[in-house]
């Protein structure tokens, strides 16, 4: 990962670059609860701490039964 200070809050687009995924993926993960934003701006934009997101992505996801 690129050297981003742990305390810096990233936009969804910046997080997508760090994770090497599409920004739509980051937004979908946030909407579905897979990752939790550190903050949400008054305009509804997500802000994330990279270390928090990396930890959340290590956690197993709940299994969905058909």
Protein backbone atom coordinates (compact mmCIF):
# COMPACT_ATOMS: atom_id res chain seq x y z
CA UNK A 1 0.00 0.00 0.00
CA UNK A 2 1.04 3.55 -0.62
CA UNK A 3 2.26 5.35 2.52
CA UNK A 4 -0.89 7.02 3.83
CA UNK A 5 -0.80 8.20 7.45
CA UNK A 6 -3.15 6.04 9.54
CA UNK A 7 -5.02 9.03 10.96
CA UNK A 8 -5.77 10.59 7.57
CA UNK A 9 -9.35 10.18 6.38
CA UNK A 10 -9.67 9.03 2.78
CA UNK A 11 -12.49 9.62 0.34
CA UNK A 12 -14.08 6.61 -1.33
CA UNK A 13 -12.04 7.36 -4.46
CA UNK A 14 -8.78 7.57 -2.53
CA UNK A 15 -9.58 4.34 -0.69
CA UNK A 16 -10.33 2.64 -4.00
CA UNK A 17 -6.86 3.60 -5.27
CA UNK A 18 -5.24 2.24 -2.11
CA UNK A 19 -7.17 -1.05 -2.33
CA UNK A 20 -6.85 -1.27 -6.11
CA UNK A 21 -10.58 -1.66 -6.62
CA UNK A 22 -13.19 0.43 -8.39
CA UNK A 23 -14.71 3.29 -6.41
CA UNK A 24 -18.14 1.74 -7.04
CA UNK A 25 -16.93 -1.34 -5.16
CA UNK A 26 -15.95 0.77 -2.14
CA UNK A 27 -19.34 2.47 -2.13
CA UNK A 28 -21.15 -0.86 -2.49
CA UNK A 29 -19.17 -2.34 0.41
CA UNK A 30 -20.07 0.67 2.57
CA UNK A 31 -23.77 0.49 1.65
CA UNK A 32 -23.90 -3.26 2.33
CA UNK A 33 -22.09 -2.96 5.66
CA UNK A 34 -18.99 -4.91 4.63
CA UNK A 35 -16.94 -1.85 5.57
CA UNK A 36 -17.97 0.95 7.90
CA UNK A 37 -16.97 4.52 7.13
CA UNK A 38 -15.15 6.38 9.89
CA UNK A 39 -17.27 9.43 9.11
CA UNK A 40 -20.02 10.57 6.78
CA UNK A 41 -20.04 14.20 5.69
CA UNK A 42 -23.21 16.31 5.89
CA UNK A 43 -23.47 15.78 2.12
CA UNK A 44 -23.47 11.98 2.58
CA UNK A 45 -19.91 11.32 1.40
CA UNK A 46 -17.95 8.56 3.13
CA UNK A 47 -14.56 9.04 4.79
CA UNK A 48 -12.40 6.08 5.79
CA UNK A 49 -9.25 5.28 7.75
CA UNK A 50 -7.19 2.85 5.70
CA UNK A 51 -6.10 0.77 8.71
CA UNK A 52 -9.72 0.40 9.88
CA UNK A 53 -10.88 -0.76 6.47
CA UNK A 54 -8.02 -3.24 6.08
CA UNK A 55 -8.94 -4.74 9.46
CA UNK A 56 -12.63 -4.93 8.51
CA UNK A 57 -11.82 -6.69 5.25
CA UNK A 58 -9.90 -9.40 7.16
CA UNK A 59 -13.05 -10.34 9.09
CA UNK A 60 -15.11 -13.20 7.68
CA UNK A 61 -18.38 -12.12 6.13
CA UNK A 62 -21.62 -13.59 7.43
CA UNK A 63 -22.82 -16.43 5.23
CA UNK A 64 -26.03 -15.92 3.31
CA UNK A 65 -28.16 -19.00 2.98
CA UNK A 66 -30.20 -19.24 -0.24
